[in-house]
Protein backbone atom coordinates (compact mmCIF):
# COMPACT_ATOMS: atom_id res chain seq x y z
CA MET A 1 43.33 59.16 39.83
CA THR A 2 41.69 56.94 41.92
CA ASP A 3 41.28 54.66 38.92
CA ILE A 4 44.88 54.89 38.29
CA ARG A 5 45.75 53.92 41.94
CA ARG A 6 43.27 50.98 41.92
CA THR A 7 44.46 49.42 38.50
CA VAL A 8 48.09 50.04 39.91
CA LEU A 9 47.39 47.93 43.06
CA TRP A 10 45.68 45.31 40.80
CA VAL A 11 48.46 44.86 38.67
CA VAL A 12 50.91 44.37 41.95
CA PHE A 13 48.44 41.97 43.39
CA THR A 14 47.83 40.25 39.91
CA MET A 15 51.77 40.06 39.14
CA SER A 16 52.62 38.51 42.64
CA LEU A 17 49.92 35.87 42.28
CA VAL A 18 51.33 34.96 38.94
CA LEU A 19 55.02 35.02 40.16
CA LEU A 20 53.76 32.83 43.23
CA TRP A 21 52.20 30.45 40.75
CA ASP A 22 55.31 30.37 38.75
CA GLY A 23 57.60 30.03 41.72
CA TRP A 24 55.41 26.96 42.85
CA GLN A 25 55.34 25.46 39.38
CA LYS A 26 59.32 25.58 39.45
CA HIS A 27 59.50 24.22 42.88
CA ASN A 28 57.57 21.17 41.78
CA GLY A 29 59.69 20.48 38.79
CA HIS A 30 57.62 22.23 36.24
CA PRO A 31 59.12 24.80 33.65
CA SER A 32 58.76 28.26 34.32
CA MET A 33 56.63 30.05 32.18
CA PHE A 34 58.88 33.00 31.66
CA SER A 35 61.72 30.45 30.32
CA PRO A 36 62.69 31.48 26.68
CA PRO A 37 61.79 29.16 24.07
CA ALA A 38 64.40 26.23 23.79
CA ALA A 39 66.80 26.95 21.04
CA LYS A 40 67.45 24.59 18.13
CA PRO A 41 70.32 22.23 18.51
CA VAL A 42 73.69 23.09 16.93
CA ALA A 43 75.62 20.57 15.04
CA ALA A 44 78.68 18.94 16.93
CA ALA A 45 81.88 20.83 15.82
CA GLY A 46 85.40 19.36 15.98
CA SER A 47 86.85 15.99 15.13
CA ALA A 48 86.09 14.41 18.24
CA ALA A 49 82.38 15.53 18.48
CA GLN A 50 81.54 14.49 14.88
CA ALA A 51 83.06 11.18 15.94
CA GLY A 52 80.43 10.51 18.48
CA VAL A 53 82.91 11.09 21.39
CA PRO A 54 80.47 13.05 23.61
CA ALA A 55 77.89 10.51 23.26
CA THR A 56 80.03 7.53 23.82
CA ALA A 57 81.93 9.43 26.86
CA GLY A 58 78.49 10.29 28.44
CA GLN A 59 77.41 6.67 28.77
CA ALA A 60 77.10 5.94 32.35
CA ALA A 61 79.09 3.38 34.11
CA GLY A 62 76.49 0.34 34.05
CA ALA A 63 74.92 1.56 30.90
CA THR A 64 75.87 1.30 27.61
CA ALA A 65 79.71 1.08 27.59
CA VAL A 66 82.08 2.24 25.31
CA PRO A 67 82.69 0.00 22.26
CA GLY A 68 85.33 -2.38 22.92
CA ALA A 69 86.41 -1.47 26.27
CA PRO A 70 86.79 -3.86 29.03
CA VAL A 71 84.00 -3.65 31.72
CA ALA A 72 84.86 -4.51 35.08
CA ALA A 73 83.44 -7.57 36.11
CA LYS A 74 83.83 -6.69 40.12
CA SER A 75 85.63 -3.41 41.24
CA GLU A 76 86.45 -1.95 44.69
CA LYS A 77 85.29 0.80 46.65
CA LEU A 78 88.01 3.08 48.24
CA THR A 79 87.09 5.79 50.87
CA ILE A 80 89.37 8.63 50.92
CA THR A 81 88.94 10.81 53.99
CA THR A 82 90.26 14.41 54.35
CA ASP A 83 89.20 17.04 56.89
CA VAL A 84 86.81 18.52 54.37
CA LEU A 85 85.85 15.61 52.20
CA THR A 86 85.19 11.81 52.33
CA VAL A 87 85.52 10.62 48.94
CA THR A 88 84.38 7.45 47.40
CA LEU A 89 86.46 6.46 44.46
CA ASP A 90 85.39 2.93 42.43
CA THR A 91 88.28 1.06 40.86
CA GLN A 92 85.97 0.54 37.55
CA GLY A 93 87.11 3.70 35.62
CA GLY A 94 88.54 5.55 38.75
CA ASP A 95 85.09 7.32 39.18
CA VAL A 96 84.26 9.59 42.17
CA THR A 97 81.19 8.26 42.97
CA ARG A 98 80.38 9.58 46.36
CA VAL A 99 81.42 12.91 47.87
CA GLU A 100 80.21 13.68 51.82
CA LEU A 101 81.00 17.14 53.20
CA PRO A 102 81.52 16.68 56.90
CA LYS A 103 81.63 20.35 57.50
CA TYR A 104 78.01 20.66 55.98
CA LEU A 105 75.62 18.91 58.25
CA HIS A 106 72.09 17.88 57.44
CA SER A 107 69.16 16.95 59.62
CA PRO A 108 65.93 15.83 58.47
CA GLU A 109 63.46 18.83 58.53
CA PRO A 110 60.48 18.41 61.27
CA GLY A 111 56.84 18.92 60.27
CA LEU A 112 55.29 22.10 60.00
CA PHE A 113 53.96 22.12 63.65
CA ASP A 114 56.43 19.65 65.44
CA PRO A 115 58.33 22.40 67.18
CA LEU A 116 55.40 23.82 68.65
CA LEU A 117 53.78 20.09 69.72
CA GLN A 118 57.53 19.20 71.01
CA ALA A 119 57.47 22.58 72.80
CA VAL A 120 54.21 21.65 74.87
CA GLY A 121 55.07 17.75 75.29
CA LEU A 122 52.78 16.84 72.64
CA LYS A 123 55.28 15.03 70.78
CA ASP A 124 58.77 13.50 71.61
CA LYS A 125 61.53 15.25 70.13
CA PRO A 126 63.19 12.67 67.80
CA LYS A 127 66.96 11.92 68.39
CA VAL A 128 68.67 12.20 64.94
CA GLU A 129 72.02 12.66 64.80
CA PRO A 130 72.95 15.34 61.63
CA THR A 131 74.59 13.63 58.94
CA PRO A 132 77.11 15.10 56.32
CA ILE A 133 75.54 16.65 53.21
CA VAL A 134 76.18 14.39 50.36
CA LEU A 135 76.88 15.77 47.32
CA LEU A 136 77.93 13.33 44.51
CA ASP A 137 76.10 9.94 45.05
CA ALA A 138 76.18 7.38 42.25
CA ALA A 139 73.95 5.06 44.20
CA SER A 140 71.15 7.39 44.71
CA GLN A 141 71.42 9.81 41.93
CA SER A 142 73.62 8.30 39.57
CA TYR A 143 76.00 11.69 40.46
CA LYS A 144 79.46 11.01 39.74
CA ALA A 145 82.47 12.58 38.17
CA GLN A 146 84.50 10.25 35.49
CA THR A 147 87.19 10.47 33.02
CA GLY A 148 88.63 8.61 30.38
CA LEU A 149 90.47 8.03 26.80
CA VAL A 150 89.07 8.34 23.04
CA GLY A 151 91.08 7.61 20.22
CA THR A 152 90.74 10.13 17.29
CA ARG A 153 90.70 6.88 14.88
CA GLY A 154 88.20 5.11 16.66
CA GLU A 155 91.03 3.12 18.59
CA GLN A 156 89.67 1.48 21.61
CA LEU A 157 91.24 2.84 24.94
CA PRO A 158 90.65 2.77 28.52
CA THR A 159 87.65 4.63 29.54
CA HIS A 160 85.70 5.12 32.87
CA ASN A 161 84.26 1.50 32.14
CA THR A 162 87.89 0.12 32.32
CA LEU A 163 88.91 -1.70 35.78
CA MET A 164 91.81 0.20 37.27
CA THR A 165 94.25 -1.21 39.98
CA VAL A 166 95.10 1.16 42.94
CA THR A 167 98.97 1.36 43.66
CA THR A 168 99.06 3.53 46.74
CA PRO A 169 98.15 2.41 50.24
CA GLU A 170 97.08 5.53 51.74
CA ARG A 171 93.45 6.26 52.57
CA LYS A 172 93.43 8.86 54.75
CA LEU A 173 95.09 12.40 54.96
CA ALA A 174 97.63 11.88 57.67
CA ASP A 175 97.88 14.48 60.89
CA GLY A 176 100.13 17.33 60.10
CA ALA A 177 100.08 16.37 56.34
CA ASN A 178 99.02 19.00 53.67
CA GLU A 179 98.28 16.29 50.81
CA LEU A 180 97.31 13.02 50.03
CA LEU A 181 97.98 11.17 46.65
CA VAL A 182 95.99 8.24 45.35
CA ARG A 183 97.07 6.52 42.16
CA LEU A 184 95.14 4.41 40.22
CA GLU A 185 96.31 2.18 36.98
CA SER A 186 94.30 0.55 34.35
CA ALA A 187 95.21 -2.48 32.33
CA GLU A 188 96.62 -2.21 28.90
CA VAL A 189 93.71 -1.48 26.54
CA GLY A 190 94.69 -0.74 22.86
CA GLY A 191 98.48 -0.68 23.55
CA VAL A 192 97.88 2.18 26.04
CA THR A 193 97.78 2.36 29.96
CA TYR A 194 95.89 5.04 31.61
CA VAL A 195 97.13 6.10 34.73
CA LYS A 196 94.97 8.45 37.09
CA THR A 197 96.52 10.42 40.26
CA TYR A 198 93.84 11.90 42.69
CA SER A 199 95.42 14.83 44.45
CA PHE A 200 93.84 15.70 47.95
CA LYS A 201 94.86 18.85 49.94
CA ARG A 202 93.92 19.68 53.73
CA GLY A 203 90.95 22.43 53.67
CA ASP A 204 90.66 22.26 50.24
CA TYR A 205 87.27 21.27 47.85
CA VAL A 206 89.34 21.18 44.74
CA ILE A 207 90.72 17.65 43.87
CA GLY A 208 93.65 17.45 41.61
CA VAL A 209 93.58 15.05 38.73
CA LYS A 210 96.63 13.90 37.16
CA HIS A 211 96.10 12.02 33.67
CA GLU A 212 99.17 9.61 32.14
CA VAL A 213 98.66 8.19 29.02
CA ILE A 214 101.27 5.67 28.37
CA ASN A 215 101.76 4.35 24.81
CA LYS A 216 102.73 0.77 24.81
CA GLY A 217 101.80 -0.36 21.41
CA ALA A 218 103.68 -0.07 17.95
CA ALA A 219 102.09 2.72 16.32
CA ALA A 220 101.86 6.52 17.01
CA LEU A 221 98.31 7.70 18.02
CA THR A 222 96.55 11.04 19.13
CA PRO A 223 94.38 10.39 22.56
CA GLN A 224 92.07 12.53 23.66
CA VAL A 225 90.74 12.82 27.23
CA TYR A 226 87.41 13.41 28.51
CA VAL A 227 86.42 14.60 31.67
CA GLN A 228 82.37 14.62 32.67
CA LEU A 229 79.83 14.81 35.31
CA VAL A 230 77.07 12.73 35.34
CA ARG A 231 73.75 12.82 37.12
CA ASP A 232 69.66 12.25 37.13
CA GLY A 233 67.30 14.71 36.23
CA VAL A 234 65.69 15.14 39.51
CA ALA A 235 66.16 18.53 40.96
CA GLY A 236 67.36 18.58 44.49
CA PRO A 237 65.90 20.59 47.32
CA GLY A 238 66.52 24.03 47.23
CA GLY A 239 64.99 27.80 47.52
CA THR A 240 61.30 28.20 48.91
CA ALA A 241 57.88 26.51 47.77
CA PHE A 242 57.48 29.55 46.07
CA THR A 243 61.14 30.03 44.56
CA GLY A 244 62.98 27.37 43.11
CA THR A 245 66.92 27.49 42.47
CA PHE A 246 68.42 25.90 39.70
CA THR A 247 69.70 22.58 39.36
CA GLY A 248 71.32 21.38 36.44
CA PRO A 249 74.46 21.44 34.01
CA ALA A 250 76.22 24.53 33.21
CA ILE A 251 78.92 25.66 30.63
CA TYR A 252 81.18 28.55 31.04
CA THR A 253 83.20 29.97 28.34
CA ASP A 254 84.83 33.41 28.02
CA LYS A 255 82.87 34.22 24.59
CA ASN A 256 79.51 33.20 25.76
CA LYS A 257 80.11 33.35 29.52
CA PHE A 258 77.75 31.11 31.61
CA GLN A 259 75.06 29.02 30.19
CA LYS A 260 73.04 26.50 32.35
CA PHE A 261 70.57 24.12 30.88
CA GLU A 262 67.41 22.78 32.20
CA PHE A 263 67.07 18.89 32.31
CA SER A 264 63.68 19.03 30.54
CA ASP A 265 65.52 20.91 27.61
CA LEU A 266 68.01 18.13 27.28
CA ALA A 267 65.55 15.43 27.52
CA LYS A 268 64.34 16.83 24.34
CA GLY A 269 67.72 17.28 22.58
CA LYS A 270 66.85 21.21 22.79
CA ALA A 271 70.37 22.70 24.28
CA GLU A 272 72.49 25.27 22.05
CA HIS A 273 75.79 25.97 23.44
CA GLU A 274 79.47 26.53 22.23
CA LYS A 275 81.22 23.61 20.85
CA THR A 276 84.74 24.83 21.06
CA ALA A 277 86.86 27.01 22.89
CA ASN A 278 90.52 27.50 24.37
CA ASP A 279 88.90 28.12 27.91
CA GLY A 280 85.84 27.19 30.19
CA TRP A 281 84.89 24.90 32.39
CA VAL A 282 81.75 22.68 33.06
CA ALA A 283 79.93 22.13 36.23
CA MET A 284 76.65 20.68 37.85
CA VAL A 285 74.80 23.33 40.14
CA GLN A 286 72.45 22.72 42.96
CA HIS A 287 71.42 25.31 45.90
CA TYR A 288 74.33 26.09 48.21
CA PHE A 289 76.80 23.52 46.00
CA ALA A 290 78.34 22.67 43.00
CA SER A 291 80.46 20.30 41.24
CA ALA A 292 82.97 21.40 38.44
CA TRP A 293 85.68 20.02 36.21
CA LEU A 294 88.35 22.99 35.88
CA HIS A 295 91.34 23.45 33.21
CA ASN A 296 92.52 27.07 33.37
CA ASP A 297 95.63 26.62 30.99
CA ALA A 298 94.65 27.99 27.52
CA ALA A 299 93.85 24.73 25.50
CA PRO A 300 91.46 23.84 22.85
CA ARG A 301 88.61 21.84 24.19
CA GLU A 302 85.09 20.64 23.27
CA PHE A 303 82.12 20.84 25.03
CA PHE A 304 79.06 18.64 25.50
CA VAL A 305 75.91 18.49 27.40
CA ASN A 306 73.48 15.68 26.62
CA LYS A 307 70.99 12.82 27.99
CA LEU A 308 72.65 9.69 28.01
CA LYS A 309 71.04 6.99 25.67
CA GLY A 310 69.66 3.88 27.49
CA ALA A 311 70.15 5.34 30.81
CA VAL A 312 67.09 4.49 33.13
CA PRO A 313 66.34 6.35 35.24
CA GLU A 314 67.30 9.51 32.73
CA GLN A 315 70.68 10.63 33.23
CA PHE A 316 72.40 13.80 32.00
CA ALA A 317 76.29 14.58 31.38
CA VAL A 318 78.37 17.52 30.85
CA GLY A 319 81.70 17.64 29.98
CA MET A 320 85.06 18.62 28.07
CA VAL A 321 87.19 16.60 25.60
CA PHE A 322 90.88 17.62 25.07
CA THR A 323 93.05 16.17 22.23
CA LEU A 324 96.54 15.36 23.48
CA PRO A 325 99.50 15.80 21.32
CA GLN A 326 100.52 12.71 19.03
CA LEU A 327 102.01 10.05 21.00
CA ALA A 328 104.69 7.81 19.92
CA PRO A 329 105.38 4.46 20.96
CA GLY A 330 106.78 4.13 23.98
CA ALA A 331 105.71 7.98 25.12
CA THR A 332 103.85 9.23 27.66
CA ALA A 333 101.59 12.46 27.93
CA THR A 334 100.55 14.02 30.80
CA LYS A 335 97.42 16.28 31.47
CA LEU A 336 96.58 17.99 34.80
CA ASP A 337 92.87 19.10 35.89
CA GLN A 338 90.77 19.77 38.91
CA LEU A 339 87.69 18.75 40.20
CA PHE A 340 85.93 21.08 42.56
CA VAL A 341 83.44 19.64 44.80
CA GLY A 342 82.07 21.68 47.65
CA PRO A 343 80.09 24.94 48.70
CA GLN A 344 79.32 28.12 46.41
CA GLU A 345 81.36 30.40 48.65
CA GLU A 346 81.56 33.25 46.03
CA ASN A 347 85.07 34.60 46.48
CA LYS A 348 86.76 31.28 47.01
CA LEU A 349 84.85 30.11 43.86
CA ALA A 350 85.87 33.38 41.79
CA ALA A 351 89.44 32.74 42.65
CA LEU A 352 89.39 29.26 41.45
CA ALA A 353 88.25 29.85 37.72
CA PRO A 354 87.06 32.88 35.66
CA GLY A 355 83.29 32.91 36.21
CA LEU A 356 83.10 30.04 38.35
CA GLU A 357 81.09 32.11 41.18
CA LEU A 358 78.07 32.36 38.77
CA VAL A 359 77.35 28.94 39.73
CA LYS A 360 75.62 30.64 42.81
CA ASP A 361 72.18 31.53 41.55
CA TYR A 362 70.92 34.98 41.70
CA GLY A 363 68.05 34.89 39.42
CA ILE A 364 67.63 37.92 37.03
CA PHE A 365 68.69 40.07 39.77
CA ALA A 366 72.40 39.29 39.95
CA ILE A 367 73.50 42.83 38.82
CA LEU A 368 72.26 44.16 42.08
CA ALA A 369 72.80 41.12 44.23
CA LYS A 370 76.50 40.83 43.81
CA PRO A 371 77.29 44.10 45.69
CA LEU A 372 74.75 43.61 47.97
CA PHE A 373 76.34 40.38 49.00
CA TRP A 374 79.48 42.18 49.19
CA LEU A 375 78.26 44.85 51.75
CA LEU A 376 76.46 41.94 53.42
CA GLU A 377 79.87 39.96 53.85
CA LYS A 378 81.74 42.95 54.97
CA LEU A 379 79.05 43.94 57.54
CA HIS A 380 79.35 40.24 58.74
CA SER A 381 83.06 40.47 58.94
CA ILE A 382 82.41 43.41 61.53
CA LEU A 383 79.46 42.18 63.43
CA GLY A 384 80.50 38.49 63.54
CA ASN A 385 76.69 37.25 62.84
CA TRP A 386 74.77 36.87 59.78
CA GLY A 387 71.78 38.01 61.58
CA TRP A 388 72.87 41.18 62.87
CA ALA A 389 74.53 41.54 59.65
CA ILE A 390 70.89 41.26 57.80
CA ILE A 391 69.48 43.90 60.05
CA ALA A 392 72.32 46.36 59.51
CA LEU A 393 72.17 45.91 55.93
CA VAL A 394 68.67 46.63 56.00
CA VAL A 395 69.10 49.52 58.21
CA LEU A 396 72.08 50.96 55.51
CA LEU A 397 69.19 50.27 52.79
CA LYS A 398 66.41 52.06 54.52
CA ILE A 399 69.05 55.14 55.09
CA ALA A 400 69.87 55.17 51.33
CA PHE A 401 66.30 55.58 50.32
CA TYR A 402 65.50 57.58 53.17
CA TRP A 403 64.28 60.78 50.96
CA LEU A 404 62.74 58.75 48.71
CA ASN A 405 60.77 56.92 50.85
CA ALA A 406 59.97 60.29 52.85
CA SER A 407 57.95 61.35 49.36
CA ALA A 408 56.10 58.22 49.62
CA TYR A 409 55.21 58.54 53.11
CA LYS A 410 54.34 62.19 52.72
CA SER A 411 52.11 61.31 49.95
CA MET A 412 50.40 58.65 51.93
CA ALA A 413 50.11 61.10 54.93
CA LYS A 414 48.52 63.96 52.82
CA MET A 415 45.80 60.89 51.56
CA LYS A 416 45.22 60.27 55.01
CA ALA A 417 44.44 63.51 55.81
CA VAL A 418 41.97 64.39 53.07
CA GLY A 419 40.19 60.66 53.63
CA PRO A 420 37.51 62.36 55.57
CA LYS A 421 36.70 64.76 53.14
CA ILE A 422 37.22 62.19 50.29
CA GLN A 423 34.90 60.04 52.30
CA GLU A 424 31.89 62.64 52.93
CA MET A 425 32.25 63.72 48.86
CA ARG A 426 31.49 60.15 47.91
CA GLU A 427 28.47 59.74 50.14
CA ARG A 428 27.06 63.18 48.97
CA LEU A 429 27.59 62.53 45.18
CA LYS A 430 27.23 58.56 45.15
CA ASP A 431 25.00 58.78 42.25
CA LYS A 432 26.75 60.92 40.28
CA PRO A 433 29.92 59.34 39.30
CA GLN A 434 30.98 61.75 36.93
CA GLN A 435 30.80 64.60 39.04
CA MET A 436 32.56 62.73 42.11
CA GLN A 437 35.42 62.18 39.84
CA GLN A 438 35.54 65.88 38.77
CA GLU A 439 35.01 66.87 42.55
CA MET A 440 37.91 64.15 43.76
CA MET A 441 40.19 65.61 41.31
CA LYS A 442 39.68 69.09 42.59
CA ILE A 443 40.37 68.28 46.29
CA TYR A 444 43.53 66.23 45.03
CA ARG A 445 44.46 69.31 43.22
CA GLU A 446 43.91 71.90 46.25
CA GLU A 447 45.43 69.56 48.78
CA LYS A 448 48.45 68.96 46.53
CA VAL A 449 47.86 65.32 46.75
CA ASN A 450 49.31 62.81 44.35
CA PRO A 451 47.43 59.41 44.51
CA ILE A 452 50.02 57.37 43.08
CA GLY A 453 52.82 59.39 44.78
CA GLY A 454 53.34 56.82 47.35
CA CYS A 455 53.64 54.03 44.68
CA LEU A 456 56.38 55.00 42.49
CA PRO A 457 59.06 55.13 45.25
CA ILE A 458 58.55 51.77 46.33
CA PHE A 459 58.30 50.38 42.90
CA LEU A 460 62.00 52.11 42.32
CA GLN A 461 63.31 50.13 45.26
CA MET A 462 61.83 46.87 44.53
CA PRO A 463 64.52 45.64 42.49
CA PHE A 464 66.84 46.10 45.17
CA PHE A 465 64.99 44.35 47.74
CA MET A 466 64.59 41.36 45.39
CA GLY A 467 68.37 41.29 44.68
CA LEU A 468 68.78 41.15 48.67
CA TYR A 469 66.08 38.37 48.87
CA TRP A 470 67.98 36.56 46.30
CA VAL A 471 71.34 36.83 48.34
CA LEU A 472 69.85 35.62 51.14
CA LEU A 473 68.38 32.84 49.22
CA SER A 474 71.44 31.69 47.52
CA THR A 475 74.01 32.48 50.35
CA VAL A 476 75.41 29.13 51.61
CA GLU A 477 76.95 30.77 54.61
CA MET A 478 73.61 31.38 55.93
CA ARG A 479 73.03 27.37 56.19
CA GLY A 480 73.41 26.63 59.87
CA ALA A 481 74.43 30.12 60.67
CA PRO A 482 72.41 31.15 64.20
CA TRP A 483 71.06 34.56 64.95
CA LEU A 484 69.78 34.61 68.61
CA GLY A 485 67.95 32.24 70.89
CA TRP A 486 65.39 30.36 69.12
CA ILE A 487 66.82 30.91 65.66
CA THR A 488 69.69 28.65 65.52
CA ASP A 489 69.82 28.23 61.78
CA LEU A 490 68.61 31.15 59.47
CA SER A 491 68.51 29.06 56.04
CA VAL A 492 65.42 27.08 57.68
CA LYS A 493 61.92 28.10 58.72
CA ASP A 494 61.17 29.80 62.20
CA PRO A 495 60.46 26.79 64.40
CA TYR A 496 57.96 28.38 66.81
CA PHE A 497 56.83 30.95 63.81
CA ILE A 498 57.53 33.89 66.31
CA LEU A 499 58.84 36.28 63.42
CA PRO A 500 56.38 35.18 60.85
CA LEU A 501 53.74 36.18 63.45
CA LEU A 502 55.30 39.51 63.92
CA MET A 503 55.71 39.77 60.15
CA THR A 504 52.04 39.45 59.56
CA ALA A 505 51.34 41.78 62.60
CA SER A 506 53.76 44.68 61.07
CA SER A 507 51.97 44.34 57.55
CA LEU A 508 48.62 44.80 58.91
CA PHE A 509 49.82 47.74 61.15
CA GLN A 510 51.12 49.09 58.11
CA VAL A 511 47.73 49.05 56.21
CA TRP A 512 46.25 51.02 59.43
CA LEU A 513 48.77 53.60 59.08
CA ASN A 514 48.37 54.14 55.49
CA PRO A 515 45.51 55.93 54.03
CA THR A 516 42.05 53.89 53.54
CA PRO A 517 41.05 53.76 49.93
CA PRO A 518 37.89 55.67 48.84
CA ASP A 519 36.85 52.63 47.03
CA PRO A 520 35.47 50.10 49.69
CA MET A 521 36.54 47.02 47.49
CA GLN A 522 39.88 48.19 47.17
CA ALA A 523 40.19 49.20 50.99
CA LYS A 524 38.98 45.47 51.86
CA MET A 525 41.84 44.50 49.24
CA MET A 526 44.45 46.54 51.22
CA TRP A 527 43.56 44.35 54.44
CA ILE A 528 43.64 40.91 52.43
CA MET A 529 46.79 41.31 50.77
CA PRO A 530 48.91 40.96 53.63
CA LEU A 531 46.84 38.06 55.38
CA ALA A 532 47.17 36.53 51.64
CA PHE A 533 50.69 36.63 51.43
CA SER A 534 51.35 36.13 55.29
CA PHE A 535 51.46 32.40 54.87
CA MET A 536 54.37 32.35 52.75
CA PHE A 537 56.45 33.53 55.55
CA PHE A 538 55.75 30.54 57.78
CA ILE A 539 57.81 28.26 55.32
CA PHE A 540 60.22 31.05 54.40
CA PRO A 541 64.03 30.63 55.78
CA SER A 542 64.02 32.62 58.92
CA GLY A 543 66.72 34.68 57.53
CA LEU A 544 64.43 36.14 54.71
CA VAL A 545 61.79 36.70 57.25
CA LEU A 546 63.86 38.58 59.51
CA TYR A 547 64.81 40.83 56.67
CA TRP A 548 61.27 41.60 55.82
CA LEU A 549 60.17 42.21 59.29
CA VAL A 550 62.89 44.81 59.93
CA ASN A 551 62.07 46.36 56.50
CA ASN A 552 58.61 46.60 57.93
CA ILE A 553 59.67 47.77 61.45
CA LEU A 554 61.71 50.89 60.19
CA SER A 555 58.95 51.55 57.27
CA ILE A 556 56.35 51.93 59.97
CA ALA A 557 58.72 54.15 62.11
CA GLN A 558 59.40 56.26 58.86
CA GLN A 559 55.73 56.45 58.53
CA TRP A 560 54.81 57.11 62.09
CA TYR A 561 57.11 60.12 62.22
CA ILE A 562 56.10 61.60 59.17
CA ASN A 563 52.31 61.19 60.21
CA LYS A 564 52.98 62.95 63.21
CA LYS A 565 55.25 65.90 61.52
CA LEU A 566 52.24 66.59 59.25
CA GLY A 567 49.64 66.36 62.01
CA VAL A 568 47.96 63.09 60.72
CA GLN A 569 45.75 61.58 63.13
CA ASN A 570 46.69 57.66 63.01
């Protein structure tokens, strides 16, 4: 049984190291060793895709233009301001080329020991004002939202490379107003004028986009409207140094649900997805934030996600193509879409479009993380502080698993009680390993001790604790949320390392409370493991460290109580 316990311990230790290495690889932009093999690309379906529209529509402004479309020699940048968005529109194509989120501020993270050095006066605190988070940014990331037209018979129509003229004067949402409209109109291309009207609403991260297609030519045509998100393949900051969060494009349909695509797979042309549907949306996802093109009305659409040809640096596009009804000469067709650019607030996302809340990355523990987030949010609504909500949630989980933990701690206490007897026996029979093993089994039977009884309950709880870990890692509401005193932001590391030091101390105290393994090597490893893992907590977000610390303290209290109840000396 000792061998079994040792094997279990080594498996846990080895798998932890593997997962840490895999997380470190993902953090540095390398693919996960657990990623499924890339699927073979599927041939495009539908007339538009066969005509090469996604590849054409996916060309970035400034890269290869749509054939025959007039490229703007000089464009104008418009800054549109609301209470929650600062948006830059480019009159070349009417692109959304920059979006700032003034409600979400960013401060450069100090060096690892800077707060300590500043606290003792060895280093001056830099006077840096926080700046708004920039989500879309065409200048630094080639990250932009674009729309345009494509002809089903190869007609050259206005695209995201076509110069447009602004026909409305307002640039800022006026005090007391709830909506701001910005209208852009293209020159006539191929007998068609394209009008795009953006609608900005107070307190809303959703931008309405109205497409008007005016046929000024002499022949009927069937235009297509495409919408797309383009960005480079550099993963944004997110997660921890050991647990990366997903950055990249995603597609959702009711049939295939949520599909996300690694930039590395797209670069190799290895991305399988549904090409046509009557529903769905596309998005670009990163830690805490996302952008998405939404069209909730049932209508046929084609999806594309690919690497842009000829773009330097590498750029990737995800989008949809909609075919409008045939447009007679002199007629106008209208289509409405929505562009979401904002935080991953789960409940608000779910209300915007089916499945949109899935852009919040819970990893493989989503089935447990979602109800845990629901409970955490309810606790926050009562307590009014995310730090206390985390503590309350850990307490509730410990109560829920009390009897399961009690079984494990009783087994550990009994193991500690028979420890001296086991040690004496090992000394006495150290030259007779076979007899030693038999005698050890006899002692376990007589004392009714199960050497692995303390492991199974912990294994059963691990998925729940990992689910909560991902909730804390992925919840944007934690960003900038204070707890108390020196913890002013639960989403960043503890500036003075107080929580990590307490976490390390509590882990070592747990080892002291637990029975000493009879195997000297195993006993040493029990002390080494907490020290080996503790360095992670010095760079983990303080909310995560708080969660583990409270869990440790409650575990210590329960173990101490059971040891005392069973008369085991600590």
